[in-house]
């Protein structure tokens, strides 16, 4: 992780990002898995080229499942 102690923020700003038109500075999403690239024209979201510049604000984070918590009851919150 590039940013130790920062939780998952290192995943968003990592230097080891796989190039993708979906989160490139030069692309604008058209929907239907297509991107309008100012350098290459219409591209697939999965496409990539040498002009790729990472834009972290376009990245959609993967779904993270909430942690499993133990079952609690009202008695756990009652002050005796």
C-alpha atoms as a PDB file:
ATOM      1  CA  UNK A   1       0.000   0.000   0.000  1.00  0.00           C
ATOM      2  CA  UNK A   2       1.414   3.388  -0.940  1.00  0.00           C
ATOM      3  CA  UNK A   3      -0.068   5.207   2.059  1.00  0.00           C
ATOM      4  CA  UNK A   4       0.511   3.139   5.214  1.00  0.00           C
ATOM      5  CA  UNK A   5      -1.891   3.844   8.030  1.00  0.00           C
ATOM      6  CA  UNK A   6      -4.515   5.404   5.747  1.00  0.00           C
ATOM      7  CA  UNK A   7      -6.839   2.403   5.405  1.00  0.00           C
ATOM      8  CA  UNK A   8      -7.909   1.665   1.834  1.00  0.00           C
ATOM      9  CA  UNK A   9      -6.955   5.089   0.449  1.00  0.00           C
ATOM     10  CA  UNK A  10      -3.795   3.514  -0.955  1.00  0.00           C
ATOM     11  CA  UNK A  11      -5.962   1.420  -3.287  1.00  0.00           C
ATOM     12  CA  UNK A  12      -7.404   4.558  -4.888  1.00  0.00           C
ATOM     13  CA  UNK A  13      -4.113   6.432  -5.291  1.00  0.00           C
ATOM     14  CA  UNK A  14      -1.777   3.489  -5.876  1.00  0.00           C
ATOM     15  CA  UNK A  15       0.916   3.846  -8.527  1.00  0.00           C
ATOM     16  CA  UNK A  16       0.159   0.300  -9.729  1.00  0.00           C
ATOM     17  CA  UNK A  17      -3.153   1.118 -11.444  1.00  0.00           C
ATOM     18  CA  UNK A  18      -4.000  -0.976 -14.507  1.00  0.00           C
ATOM     19  CA  UNK A  19      -4.711   1.488 -17.371  1.00  0.00           C
ATOM     20  CA  UNK A  20      -8.360   1.689 -18.431  1.00  0.00           C
ATOM     21  CA  UNK A  21     -10.293   4.236 -20.481  1.00  0.00           C
ATOM     22  CA  UNK A  22     -13.012   4.139 -17.791  1.00  0.00           C
ATOM     23  CA  UNK A  23     -10.855   6.228 -15.422  1.00  0.00           C
ATOM     24  CA  UNK A  24      -8.559   8.125 -17.781  1.00  0.00           C
ATOM     25  CA  UNK A  25      -8.301  11.928 -17.661  1.00  0.00           C
ATOM     26  CA  UNK A  26      -8.995  12.165 -21.412  1.00  0.00           C
ATOM     27  CA  UNK A  27     -12.174  10.054 -21.435  1.00  0.00           C
ATOM     28  CA  UNK A  28     -15.825  10.945 -20.898  1.00  0.00           C
ATOM     29  CA  UNK A  29     -18.282   8.122 -20.306  1.00  0.00           C
ATOM     30  CA  UNK A  30     -20.964   7.738 -22.965  1.00  0.00           C
ATOM     31  CA  UNK A  31     -22.727   4.872 -21.218  1.00  0.00           C
ATOM     32  CA  UNK A  32     -23.121   1.463 -22.856  1.00  0.00           C
ATOM     33  CA  UNK A  33     -19.491   0.669 -21.861  1.00  0.00           C
ATOM     34  CA  UNK A  34     -18.113   3.337 -24.213  1.00  0.00           C
ATOM     35  CA  UNK A  35     -15.858   6.331 -23.576  1.00  0.00           C
ATOM     36  CA  UNK A  36     -15.303   9.418 -25.747  1.00  0.00           C
ATOM     37  CA  UNK A  37     -11.538   9.961 -25.645  1.00  0.00           C
ATOM     38  CA  UNK A  38     -10.108  13.337 -26.670  1.00  0.00           C
ATOM     39  CA  UNK A  39      -6.962  11.532 -27.889  1.00  0.00           C
ATOM     40  CA  UNK A  40      -8.357   8.392 -29.612  1.00  0.00           C
ATOM     41  CA  UNK A  41     -12.079   8.913 -30.264  1.00  0.00           C
ATOM     42  CA  UNK A  42     -14.703   6.368 -29.158  1.00  0.00           C
ATOM     43  CA  UNK A  43     -13.155   3.604 -27.045  1.00  0.00           C
ATOM     44  CA  UNK A  44     -14.345   0.714 -24.914  1.00  0.00           C
ATOM     45  CA  UNK A  45     -14.267   1.312 -21.133  1.00  0.00           C
ATOM     46  CA  UNK A  46     -11.855  -1.629 -20.893  1.00  0.00           C
ATOM     47  CA  UNK A  47      -9.623  -0.113 -23.588  1.00  0.00           C
ATOM     48  CA  UNK A  48      -6.236   1.453 -22.933  1.00  0.00           C
ATOM     49  CA  UNK A  49      -3.532   3.335 -24.823  1.00  0.00           C
ATOM     50  CA  UNK A  50      -0.237   5.113 -24.308  1.00  0.00           C
ATOM     51  CA  UNK A  51      -1.963   8.443 -23.593  1.00  0.00           C
ATOM     52  CA  UNK A  52      -3.517   7.077 -20.355  1.00  0.00           C
ATOM     53  CA  UNK A  53      -3.479   9.545 -17.441  1.00  0.00           C
ATOM     54  CA  UNK A  54      -5.063   8.275 -14.219  1.00  0.00           C
ATOM     55  CA  UNK A  55      -7.982  10.329 -12.867  1.00  0.00           C
ATOM     56  CA  UNK A  56      -8.877   8.965  -9.382  1.00  0.00           C
ATOM     57  CA  UNK A  57     -12.233  10.790  -9.263  1.00  0.00           C
ATOM     58  CA  UNK A  58     -13.508   8.619 -12.142  1.00  0.00           C
ATOM     59  CA  UNK A  59     -12.663   5.348 -10.424  1.00  0.00           C
ATOM     60  CA  UNK A  60     -15.587   3.365  -9.032  1.00  0.00           C
ATOM     61  CA  UNK A  61     -14.475   1.570  -5.865  1.00  0.00           C
ATOM     62  CA  UNK A  62     -15.218  -2.115  -5.585  1.00  0.00           C
ATOM     63  CA  UNK A  63     -18.058  -3.113  -3.292  1.00  0.00           C
ATOM     64  CA  UNK A  64     -16.772  -3.900   0.172  1.00  0.00           C
ATOM     65  CA  UNK A  65     -18.922  -6.268   2.213  1.00  0.00           C
ATOM     66  CA  UNK A  66     -19.683  -4.896   5.698  1.00  0.00           C
ATOM     67  CA  UNK A  67     -17.897  -6.703   8.525  1.00  0.00           C
ATOM     68  CA  UNK A  68     -19.745  -9.518  10.247  1.00  0.00           C
ATOM     69  CA  UNK A  69     -20.805  -8.392  13.701  1.00  0.00           C
ATOM     70  CA  UNK A  70     -22.031 -10.524  16.574  1.00  0.00           C
ATOM     71  CA  UNK A  71     -25.752 -10.562  17.290  1.00  0.00           C
ATOM     72  CA  UNK A  72     -26.809  -8.038  19.929  1.00  0.00           C
ATOM     73  CA  UNK A  73     -29.933  -7.750  22.040  1.00  0.00           C
ATOM     74  CA  UNK A  74     -31.610  -4.977  24.012  1.00  0.00           C
ATOM     75  CA  UNK A  75     -30.007  -6.382  27.176  1.00  0.00           C
ATOM     76  CA  UNK A  76     -26.576  -5.522  25.777  1.00  0.00           C
ATOM     77  CA  UNK A  77     -27.566  -1.831  25.905  1.00  0.00           C
ATOM     78  CA  UNK A  78     -29.335  -1.845  29.285  1.00  0.00           C
ATOM     79  CA  UNK A  79     -27.565  -0.220  32.250  1.00  0.00           C
ATOM     80  CA  UNK A  80     -28.026  -2.243  35.415  1.00  0.00           C
END
